[in-house]
Protein backbone atom coordinates (compact mmCIF):
# COMPACT_ATOMS: atom_id res chain seq x y z
CA MET A 1 156.93 147.54 185.81
CA ASN A 2 159.00 148.74 189.13
CA LYS A 3 160.44 151.81 190.86
CA ASP A 4 163.62 149.43 190.65
CA GLU A 5 162.66 148.48 186.18
CA ILE A 6 161.43 152.08 185.17
CA LEU A 7 165.41 153.12 186.80
CA MET A 8 166.96 150.77 184.50
CA LYS A 9 165.45 150.92 181.87
CA SER A 10 165.57 155.11 182.29
CA ARG A 11 169.08 155.13 182.61
CA GLN A 12 170.29 152.81 179.66
CA GLU A 13 168.18 155.30 177.97
CA TYR A 14 169.97 157.85 178.65
CA GLN A 15 173.35 156.56 179.13
CA LYS A 16 175.16 157.69 175.68
CA GLU A 17 173.96 160.71 176.86
CA ASP A 18 174.88 162.07 180.63
CA GLU A 19 174.20 165.26 180.33
CA ARG A 20 176.62 166.87 182.63
CA GLU A 21 179.41 165.25 180.11
CA THR A 22 177.94 167.28 176.69
CA LEU A 23 178.12 169.98 180.07
CA ILE A 24 182.05 169.66 180.27
CA THR A 25 182.41 168.70 177.15
CA THR A 26 180.85 171.41 175.33
CA GLN A 27 182.70 174.02 178.40
CA GLY A 28 186.06 172.21 177.51
CA PHE A 29 185.79 173.84 174.01
CA MET A 30 184.87 177.00 174.24
CA TYR A 31 187.07 177.98 176.41
CA GLY A 32 190.18 176.02 174.39
CA ALA A 33 188.80 177.94 171.12
CA VAL A 34 188.91 181.41 173.97
CA GLY A 35 192.92 180.09 174.79
CA MET A 36 193.19 179.48 171.01
CA ALA A 37 192.59 182.62 169.15
CA ILE A 38 194.40 184.25 172.71
CA ILE A 39 197.29 182.87 170.89
CA PHE A 40 195.84 183.64 167.13
CA PHE A 41 195.69 187.79 168.38
CA ILE A 42 200.16 186.51 170.07
CA LEU A 43 200.93 185.00 167.10
CA VAL A 44 199.46 187.71 164.18
CA PHE A 45 200.98 190.86 166.30
CA ILE A 46 204.47 188.39 166.28
CA LYS A 47 204.61 188.00 163.11
CA LEU A 48 202.93 190.70 161.52
CA PHE A 49 204.75 193.46 164.04
CA LEU A 50 208.06 192.11 164.78
CA LYS A 51 209.20 189.38 162.51
CA GLU A 52 207.01 190.67 159.80
CA GLN A 53 206.93 188.57 158.29
CA ARG A 54 203.14 186.32 156.12
CA ILE A 55 200.42 185.20 158.58
CA ASP A 56 198.84 183.12 155.90
CA ASP A 57 199.54 180.06 157.97
CA ILE A 58 197.65 180.48 161.06
CA LEU A 59 194.95 182.71 159.19
CA ALA A 60 193.49 179.82 157.66
CA MET A 61 194.09 177.84 160.24
CA TYR A 62 191.46 179.64 162.53
CA ALA A 63 189.67 180.58 159.23
CA ALA A 64 189.86 176.76 159.09
CA PHE A 65 187.93 176.33 162.73
CA LEU A 66 185.79 178.84 162.54
CA PHE A 67 184.52 177.69 158.87
CA ALA A 68 184.00 174.04 161.01
CA HIS A 69 181.78 175.73 163.96
CA TYR A 70 179.44 177.16 162.01
CA VAL A 71 178.96 174.35 159.91
CA TYR A 72 178.44 172.23 162.53
CA LYS A 73 176.34 174.03 164.44
CA TYR A 74 174.59 174.60 161.05
CA ARG A 75 173.49 170.79 160.54
CA MET A 76 172.78 170.91 164.24
CA ASP A 77 170.39 172.93 164.85
CA LYS A 78 169.53 174.25 161.01
CA VAL A 79 168.65 177.71 161.34
CA HIS A 80 169.90 179.55 158.14
CA LYS A 81 171.61 182.08 159.73
CA ASN A 82 174.74 179.97 160.39
CA ILE A 83 175.13 179.82 156.01
CA TYR A 84 176.81 183.44 155.55
CA PRO A 85 179.58 183.17 157.93
CA MET A 86 180.32 179.55 157.07
CA LEU A 87 180.36 180.32 154.45
CA CYS A 88 182.83 183.47 154.01
CA TRP A 89 185.17 181.84 157.05
CA GLY A 90 185.64 178.54 154.82
CA ILE A 91 186.01 180.97 151.47
CA CYS A 92 188.78 182.27 154.29
CA ALA A 93 189.96 179.10 154.74
CA ILE A 94 190.53 178.59 151.00
CA LEU A 95 192.13 182.00 149.74
CA ASN A 96 194.51 181.54 152.71
CA LEU A 97 195.75 178.88 152.10
CA ILE A 98 196.73 179.59 148.68
CA VAL A 99 197.61 182.33 149.25
CA PHE A 100 200.42 180.58 151.92
CA ILE A 101 201.13 177.73 149.14
CA TRP A 102 200.97 180.11 146.23
CA LYS A 103 203.26 182.97 148.15
CA GLY A 104 205.42 180.14 150.32
């Protein structure tokens, strides 16, 4: 094989997963998670302290986000330290959703 054939074969193998695109997507999700956390705390403050409303709905959404995060981490890494927070956030999301539906 010559240089061009090797280069073309290498491009075909790595065409599915470009490292730069993966990094940009990962960082984008990280910034999105930080933005969501900021908005979450602002909404909790407004609903809980200023308007005296229930916060079960946004707690369920935030817990579901963290649950999905730990499910993905566990599936990719197979590290057992991710099981405990995954289960805790999953239970928290389900319980908050139940309380939101039950209490209205």
